[in-house]
C-alpha atoms as a PDB file:
ATOM      1  CA  UNK A   1       0.000   0.000   0.000  1.00  0.00           C
ATOM      2  CA  UNK A   2       1.597   3.264  -1.129  1.00  0.00           C
ATOM      3  CA  UNK A   3       1.529   6.425   0.964  1.00  0.00           C
ATOM      4  CA  UNK A   4      -0.388   9.427  -0.315  1.00  0.00           C
ATOM      5  CA  UNK A   5       1.823  12.234  -1.576  1.00  0.00           C
ATOM      6  CA  UNK A   6       0.685  15.791  -2.167  1.00  0.00           C
ATOM      7  CA  UNK A   7       1.254  16.956  -5.726  1.00  0.00           C
ATOM      8  CA  UNK A   8       4.212  19.233  -6.344  1.00  0.00           C
ATOM      9  CA  UNK A   9       2.090  22.287  -7.071  1.00  0.00           C
ATOM     10  CA  UNK A  10       1.000  22.386  -3.408  1.00  0.00           C
ATOM     11  CA  UNK A  11       4.541  23.446  -2.476  1.00  0.00           C
ATOM     12  CA  UNK A  12       3.689  26.858  -3.897  1.00  0.00           C
ATOM     13  CA  UNK A  13       0.938  27.234  -1.295  1.00  0.00           C
ATOM     14  CA  UNK A  14       3.270  27.011   1.675  1.00  0.00           C
ATOM     15  CA  UNK A  15       4.351  30.686   1.623  1.00  0.00           C
ATOM     16  CA  UNK A  16       0.714  31.701   1.292  1.00  0.00           C
ATOM     17  CA  UNK A  17      -0.287  29.556   4.259  1.00  0.00           C
ATOM     18  CA  UNK A  18       2.593  30.952   6.315  1.00  0.00           C
ATOM     19  CA  UNK A  19       1.569  34.515   5.508  1.00  0.00           C
ATOM     20  CA  UNK A  20      -2.001  33.675   6.465  1.00  0.00           C
ATOM     21  CA  UNK A  21      -0.901  32.391   9.867  1.00  0.00           C
ATOM     22  CA  UNK A  22       1.097  35.552  10.442  1.00  0.00           C
ATOM     23  CA  UNK A  23      -1.570  37.967   9.216  1.00  0.00           C
ATOM     24  CA  UNK A  24      -4.590  36.288  10.798  1.00  0.00           C
ATOM     25  CA  UNK A  25      -3.936  37.669  14.338  1.00  0.00           C
ATOM     26  CA  UNK A  26      -3.439  41.169  12.944  1.00  0.00           C
ATOM     27  CA  UNK A  27      -6.634  40.856  10.914  1.00  0.00           C
ATOM     28  CA  UNK A  28      -8.649  39.648  13.919  1.00  0.00           C
ATOM     29  CA  UNK A  29      -7.225  42.452  16.071  1.00  0.00           C
ATOM     30  CA  UNK A  30      -8.081  45.100  13.487  1.00  0.00           C
ATOM     31  CA  UNK A  31     -11.530  43.606  12.964  1.00  0.00           C
ATOM     32  CA  UNK A  32     -12.261  43.762  16.689  1.00  0.00           C
ATOM     33  CA  UNK A  33     -10.771  47.261  17.066  1.00  0.00           C
ATOM     34  CA  UNK A  34     -12.775  48.825  14.271  1.00  0.00           C
ATOM     35  CA  UNK A  35     -15.835  46.616  14.588  1.00  0.00           C
ATOM     36  CA  UNK A  36     -16.268  47.321  18.295  1.00  0.00           C
ATOM     37  CA  UNK A  37     -15.308  51.008  18.172  1.00  0.00           C
ATOM     38  CA  UNK A  38     -17.861  53.702  19.081  1.00  0.00           C
ATOM     39  CA  UNK A  39     -17.633  55.041  15.527  1.00  0.00           C
ATOM     40  CA  UNK A  40     -19.042  51.725  14.321  1.00  0.00           C
ATOM     41  CA  UNK A  41     -21.454  50.864  17.121  1.00  0.00           C
ATOM     42  CA  UNK A  42     -22.750  54.266  18.230  1.00  0.00           C
ATOM     43  CA  UNK A  43     -22.484  56.906  15.499  1.00  0.00           C
ATOM     44  CA  UNK A  44     -25.715  56.986  13.538  1.00  0.00           C
ATOM     45  CA  UNK A  45     -27.785  55.396  16.327  1.00  0.00           C
ATOM     46  CA  UNK A  46     -31.295  56.852  15.987  1.00  0.00           C
ATOM     47  CA  UNK A  47     -33.927  54.878  17.927  1.00  0.00           C
ATOM     48  CA  UNK A  48     -37.610  55.322  17.274  1.00  0.00           C
ATOM     49  CA  UNK A  49     -39.348  57.266  20.032  1.00  0.00           C
ATOM     50  CA  UNK A  50     -42.821  56.665  21.517  1.00  0.00           C
ATOM     51  CA  UNK A  51     -43.793  60.120  20.233  1.00  0.00           C
ATOM     52  CA  UNK A  52     -42.302  61.317  16.913  1.00  0.00           C
ATOM     53  CA  UNK A  53     -40.940  64.531  18.400  1.00  0.00           C
ATOM     54  CA  UNK A  54     -39.231  66.582  15.691  1.00  0.00           C
ATOM     55  CA  UNK A  55     -36.354  68.744  16.857  1.00  0.00           C
ATOM     56  CA  UNK A  56     -36.253  70.190  13.339  1.00  0.00           C
ATOM     57  CA  UNK A  57     -39.752  71.576  13.939  1.00  0.00           C
ATOM     58  CA  UNK A  58     -39.492  72.609  17.583  1.00  0.00           C
ATOM     59  CA  UNK A  59     -35.864  73.773  17.873  1.00  0.00           C
ATOM     60  CA  UNK A  60     -35.417  74.651  14.204  1.00  0.00           C
ATOM     61  CA  UNK A  61     -38.574  76.031  12.621  1.00  0.00           C
ATOM     62  CA  UNK A  62     -40.191  77.280  15.854  1.00  0.00           C
ATOM     63  CA  UNK A  63     -36.883  78.386  17.376  1.00  0.00           C
ATOM     64  CA  UNK A  64     -37.500  76.919  20.834  1.00  0.00           C
ATOM     65  CA  UNK A  65     -34.518  77.244  23.161  1.00  0.00           C
ATOM     66  CA  UNK A  66     -32.979  73.930  24.205  1.00  0.00           C
ATOM     67  CA  UNK A  67     -33.356  74.947  27.855  1.00  0.00           C
ATOM     68  CA  UNK A  68     -37.141  75.108  27.656  1.00  0.00           C
ATOM     69  CA  UNK A  69     -37.253  71.302  27.597  1.00  0.00           C
ATOM     70  CA  UNK A  70     -33.835  70.408  29.013  1.00  0.00           C
ATOM     71  CA  UNK A  71     -34.166  72.671  32.023  1.00  0.00           C
ATOM     72  CA  UNK A  72     -31.170  71.524  34.059  1.00  0.00           C
ATOM     73  CA  UNK A  73     -28.298  71.804  31.577  1.00  0.00           C
ATOM     74  CA  UNK A  74     -26.994  74.954  33.290  1.00  0.00           C
ATOM     75  CA  UNK A  75     -27.433  73.663  36.835  1.00  0.00           C
ATOM     76  CA  UNK A  76     -26.833  69.924  36.956  1.00  0.00           C
ATOM     77  CA  UNK A  77     -24.756  67.117  35.533  1.00  0.00           C
ATOM     78  CA  UNK A  78     -27.714  65.592  33.701  1.00  0.00           C
ATOM     79  CA  UNK A  79     -29.840  67.248  31.042  1.00  0.00           C
ATOM     80  CA  UNK A  80     -33.391  66.689  32.235  1.00  0.00           C
ATOM     81  CA  UNK A  81     -35.941  65.073  29.947  1.00  0.00           C
ATOM     82  CA  UNK A  82     -39.000  67.354  29.772  1.00  0.00           C
ATOM     83  CA  UNK A  83     -41.878  66.255  31.988  1.00  0.00           C
ATOM     84  CA  UNK A  84     -45.299  65.652  30.496  1.00  0.00           C
ATOM     85  CA  UNK A  85     -46.483  68.986  31.892  1.00  0.00           C
ATOM     86  CA  UNK A  86     -43.912  70.857  29.775  1.00  0.00           C
ATOM     87  CA  UNK A  87     -45.238  69.245  26.600  1.00  0.00           C
ATOM     88  CA  UNK A  88     -48.813  69.950  27.622  1.00  0.00           C
ATOM     89  CA  UNK A  89     -48.093  73.647  28.042  1.00  0.00           C
ATOM     90  CA  UNK A  90     -48.521  73.745  24.265  1.00  0.00           C
ATOM     91  CA  UNK A  91     -50.245  70.510  23.353  1.00  0.00           C
ATOM     92  CA  UNK A  92     -53.237  70.990  25.633  1.00  0.00           C
ATOM     93  CA  UNK A  93     -54.235  73.469  22.912  1.00  0.00           C
ATOM     94  CA  UNK A  94     -52.179  72.459  19.875  1.00  0.00           C
ATOM     95  CA  UNK A  95     -53.194  69.136  18.263  1.00  0.00           C
ATOM     96  CA  UNK A  96     -54.637  67.862  21.560  1.00  0.00           C
ATOM     97  CA  UNK A  97     -56.442  64.942  19.850  1.00  0.00           C
ATOM     98  CA  UNK A  98     -53.615  63.865  17.536  1.00  0.00           C
ATOM     99  CA  UNK A  99     -53.165  60.070  17.589  1.00  0.00           C
ATOM    100  CA  UNK A 100     -49.392  60.659  17.555  1.00  0.00           C
ATOM    101  CA  UNK A 101     -49.725  62.239  21.007  1.00  0.00           C
ATOM    102  CA  UNK A 102     -51.608  59.310  22.559  1.00  0.00           C
ATOM    103  CA  UNK A 103     -48.610  58.383  24.791  1.00  0.00           C
ATOM    104  CA  UNK A 104     -48.600  61.960  26.088  1.00  0.00           C
ATOM    105  CA  UNK A 105     -52.292  61.833  27.000  1.00  0.00           C
ATOM    106  CA  UNK A 106     -51.767  58.425  28.609  1.00  0.00           C
ATOM    107  CA  UNK A 107     -48.924  59.863  30.663  1.00  0.00           C
ATOM    108  CA  UNK A 108     -51.169  62.681  31.835  1.00  0.00           C
ATOM    109  CA  UNK A 109     -53.840  60.201  32.950  1.00  0.00           C
ATOM    110  CA  UNK A 110     -51.553  57.722  34.708  1.00  0.00           C
ATOM    111  CA  UNK A 111     -48.817  59.997  35.985  1.00  0.00           C
ATOM    112  CA  UNK A 112     -46.185  57.720  34.444  1.00  0.00           C
ATOM    113  CA  UNK A 113     -43.505  59.440  32.367  1.00  0.00           C
ATOM    114  CA  UNK A 114     -43.390  59.066  28.599  1.00  0.00           C
ATOM    115  CA  UNK A 115     -40.938  56.182  27.955  1.00  0.00           C
ATOM    116  CA  UNK A 116     -38.443  58.144  25.861  1.00  0.00           C
ATOM    117  CA  UNK A 117     -35.527  56.115  24.525  1.00  0.00           C
ATOM    118  CA  UNK A 118     -32.073  57.412  25.454  1.00  0.00           C
ATOM    119  CA  UNK A 119     -29.932  58.261  22.421  1.00  0.00           C
ATOM    120  CA  UNK A 120     -26.654  59.393  24.004  1.00  0.00           C
ATOM    121  CA  UNK A 121     -25.754  56.850  26.680  1.00  0.00           C
ATOM    122  CA  UNK A 122     -22.329  57.058  28.306  1.00  0.00           C
ATOM    123  CA  UNK A 123     -20.842  54.132  30.264  1.00  0.00           C
ATOM    124  CA  UNK A 124     -21.713  54.028  33.968  1.00  0.00           C
ATOM    125  CA  UNK A 125     -18.095  54.701  34.936  1.00  0.00           C
ATOM    126  CA  UNK A 126     -18.049  58.028  33.041  1.00  0.00           C
ATOM    127  CA  UNK A 127     -18.972  61.224  34.881  1.00  0.00           C
ATOM    128  CA  UNK A 128     -20.041  63.983  32.507  1.00  0.00           C
ATOM    129  CA  UNK A 129     -21.302  67.304  33.838  1.00  0.00           C
ATOM    130  CA  UNK A 130     -23.530  69.213  31.415  1.00  0.00           C
ATOM    131  CA  UNK A 131     -23.482  72.383  33.506  1.00  0.00           C
ATOM    132  CA  UNK A 132     -19.671  72.566  33.579  1.00  0.00           C
ATOM    133  CA  UNK A 133     -19.533  72.419  29.787  1.00  0.00           C
ATOM    134  CA  UNK A 134     -22.466  74.739  29.077  1.00  0.00           C
ATOM    135  CA  UNK A 135     -21.205  77.355  31.539  1.00  0.00           C
ATOM    136  CA  UNK A 136     -17.797  77.123  29.879  1.00  0.00           C
ATOM    137  CA  UNK A 137     -19.256  78.082  26.519  1.00  0.00           C
ATOM    138  CA  UNK A 138     -19.410  74.611  24.966  1.00  0.00           C
ATOM    139  CA  UNK A 139     -22.509  74.543  22.779  1.00  0.00           C
ATOM    140  CA  UNK A 140     -24.936  71.643  22.513  1.00  0.00           C
ATOM    141  CA  UNK A 141     -23.944  71.330  18.856  1.00  0.00           C
ATOM    142  CA  UNK A 142     -20.375  70.293  19.746  1.00  0.00           C
ATOM    143  CA  UNK A 143     -21.563  66.927  21.119  1.00  0.00           C
ATOM    144  CA  UNK A 144     -25.072  66.489  19.715  1.00  0.00           C
ATOM    145  CA  UNK A 145     -24.707  68.022  16.271  1.00  0.00           C
ATOM    146  CA  UNK A 146     -27.346  70.171  14.578  1.00  0.00           C
ATOM    147  CA  UNK A 147     -30.349  68.670  16.325  1.00  0.00           C
ATOM    148  CA  UNK A 148     -32.343  71.641  15.050  1.00  0.00           C
ATOM    149  CA  UNK A 149     -32.163  69.932  11.650  1.00  0.00           C
ATOM    150  CA  UNK A 150     -33.120  66.447  12.854  1.00  0.00           C
ATOM    151  CA  UNK A 151     -36.616  65.032  12.735  1.00  0.00           C
ATOM    152  CA  UNK A 152     -35.288  61.942  14.504  1.00  0.00           C
ATOM    153  CA  UNK A 153     -32.358  62.632  16.819  1.00  0.00           C
ATOM    154  CA  UNK A 154     -29.296  60.534  16.130  1.00  0.00           C
ATOM    155  CA  UNK A 155     -25.836  60.259  17.629  1.00  0.00           C
ATOM    156  CA  UNK A 156     -23.325  62.079  15.446  1.00  0.00           C
ATOM    157  CA  UNK A 157     -20.154  61.785  17.559  1.00  0.00           C
ATOM    158  CA  UNK A 158     -18.497  58.710  19.040  1.00  0.00           C
ATOM    159  CA  UNK A 159     -18.398  60.193  22.577  1.00  0.00           C
ATOM    160  CA  UNK A 160     -15.361  57.991  23.148  1.00  0.00           C
ATOM    161  CA  UNK A 161     -12.647  58.836  25.661  1.00  0.00           C
ATOM    162  CA  UNK A 162     -10.245  59.737  22.847  1.00  0.00           C
ATOM    163  CA  UNK A 163     -12.824  62.069  21.303  1.00  0.00           C
ATOM    164  CA  UNK A 164     -13.325  63.851  24.639  1.00  0.00           C
ATOM    165  CA  UNK A 165      -9.581  64.165  25.198  1.00  0.00           C
ATOM    166  CA  UNK A 166      -9.078  65.712  21.765  1.00  0.00           C
ATOM    167  CA  UNK A 167     -11.349  68.559  22.838  1.00  0.00           C
ATOM    168  CA  UNK A 168      -9.904  68.912  26.340  1.00  0.00           C
ATOM    169  CA  UNK A 169      -6.393  69.216  24.937  1.00  0.00           C
ATOM    170  CA  UNK A 170      -7.497  72.231  22.873  1.00  0.00           C
ATOM    171  CA  UNK A 171     -10.955  73.396  24.008  1.00  0.00           C
ATOM    172  CA  UNK A 172     -10.949  76.938  22.635  1.00  0.00           C
ATOM    173  CA  UNK A 173     -12.194  76.100  19.093  1.00  0.00           C
ATOM    174  CA  UNK A 174     -15.230  74.415  20.694  1.00  0.00           C
ATOM    175  CA  UNK A 175     -16.115  77.338  22.948  1.00  0.00           C
ATOM    176  CA  UNK A 176     -18.200  80.412  22.311  1.00  0.00           C
ATOM    177  CA  UNK A 177     -19.613  83.304  24.357  1.00  0.00           C
ATOM    178  CA  UNK A 178     -22.018  81.805  26.865  1.00  0.00           C
ATOM    179  CA  UNK A 179     -25.078  83.667  25.593  1.00  0.00           C
ATOM    180  CA  UNK A 180     -24.805  81.826  22.259  1.00  0.00           C
ATOM    181  CA  UNK A 181     -24.463  78.287  23.656  1.00  0.00           C
ATOM    182  CA  UNK A 182     -27.995  77.227  22.698  1.00  0.00           C
ATOM    183  CA  UNK A 183     -28.019  79.169  19.420  1.00  0.00           C
ATOM    184  CA  UNK A 184     -27.102  76.166  17.318  1.00  0.00           C
ATOM    185  CA  UNK A 185     -26.613  78.048  14.053  1.00  0.00           C
ATOM    186  CA  UNK A 186     -24.223  80.589  15.631  1.00  0.00           C
ATOM    187  CA  UNK A 187     -20.924  81.147  13.849  1.00  0.00           C
ATOM    188  CA  UNK A 188     -17.891  83.101  14.974  1.00  0.00           C
ATOM    189  CA  UNK A 189     -17.377  86.449  13.191  1.00  0.00           C
ATOM    190  CA  UNK A 190     -15.404  85.873  10.014  1.00  0.00           C
ATOM    191  CA  UNK A 191     -12.707  88.367  10.957  1.00  0.00           C
ATOM    192  CA  UNK A 192     -11.968  86.579  14.222  1.00  0.00           C
ATOM    193  CA  UNK A 193     -10.446  83.191  14.896  1.00  0.00           C
ATOM    194  CA  UNK A 194     -11.813  81.068  17.774  1.00  0.00           C
ATOM    195  CA  UNK A 195      -8.705  81.957  19.787  1.00  0.00           C
ATOM    196  CA  UNK A 196      -9.543  85.681  19.423  1.00  0.00           C
ATOM    197  CA  UNK A 197     -13.045  85.366  20.825  1.00  0.00           C
ATOM    198  CA  UNK A 198     -13.474  86.707  24.371  1.00  0.00           C
ATOM    199  CA  UNK A 199     -14.790  83.320  25.484  1.00  0.00           C
ATOM    200  CA  UNK A 200     -12.764  83.224  28.679  1.00  0.00           C
ATOM    201  CA  UNK A 201     -13.857  86.683  29.759  1.00  0.00           C
ATOM    202  CA  UNK A 202     -17.528  86.099  28.922  1.00  0.00           C
ATOM    203  CA  UNK A 203     -17.706  82.612  30.422  1.00  0.00           C
ATOM    204  CA  UNK A 204     -16.405  83.455  33.876  1.00  0.00           C
ATOM    205  CA  UNK A 205     -18.742  82.536  36.713  1.00  0.00           C
ATOM    206  CA  UNK A 206     -19.918  84.856  39.470  1.00  0.00           C
ATOM    207  CA  UNK A 207     -16.628  84.303  41.301  1.00  0.00           C
ATOM    208  CA  UNK A 208     -14.558  85.276  38.272  1.00  0.00           C
ATOM    209  CA  UNK A 209     -13.478  81.684  37.659  1.00  0.00           C
ATOM    210  CA  UNK A 210     -13.458  79.793  34.385  1.00  0.00           C
ATOM    211  CA  UNK A 211     -15.351  76.487  34.883  1.00  0.00           C
ATOM    212  CA  UNK A 212     -13.238  74.850  32.175  1.00  0.00           C
ATOM    213  CA  UNK A 213     -10.134  75.413  34.301  1.00  0.00           C
ATOM    214  CA  UNK A 214     -11.698  74.509  37.647  1.00  0.00           C
ATOM    215  CA  UNK A 215     -11.126  70.755  38.029  1.00  0.00           C
ATOM    216  CA  UNK A 216     -13.410  70.583  41.067  1.00  0.00           C
ATOM    217  CA  UNK A 217     -16.364  71.322  38.789  1.00  0.00           C
ATOM    218  CA  UNK A 218     -16.281  67.734  37.556  1.00  0.00           C
ATOM    219  CA  UNK A 219     -13.974  65.975  39.997  1.00  0.00           C
ATOM    220  CA  UNK A 220     -15.840  66.286  43.293  1.00  0.00           C
END
């Protein structure tokens, strides 16, 4: 009984197989790195909401200030979700019988909040203070994008640690005078660079301190 022998042409495959064994770990590492990155998993996330609330209509066309609904952005770490009563300030009179607002009417009857779906969800080990950033002249648009153009809010930035650090290493281009923080279409005057804007002077708190430079604002 003769032993099986591979044909000679298979010898040419040996370098290819060796290269595969060497490149496979690098390929798997790259696949995991890019496949599991926030840019892949988070950017573009746009969940359906129980009520089709259009920021493009409310914040864009109607010009509602972000702080009317998100009342705590200047005072607390978390940006509050508007209570049912805030929505009913208008919708008790505007489209009160619309079938799209059925969850709102149900919330009014039961006292349970509307089950909004969180879009921007940081890991539990991350402490982010909205008030520290807003009071430092960092606009909503820097993290959330032009929500005033979105019918369905989506995540436009990775919100990864590296992305945050890029801003903290050079925050001035992302800052503006405090009174324009919620004016999402605001642009710096053409004859001034971001570094020339009096952001530091205008964003000082009542004690004359710059929240962006006060580490205790976030690290308590």
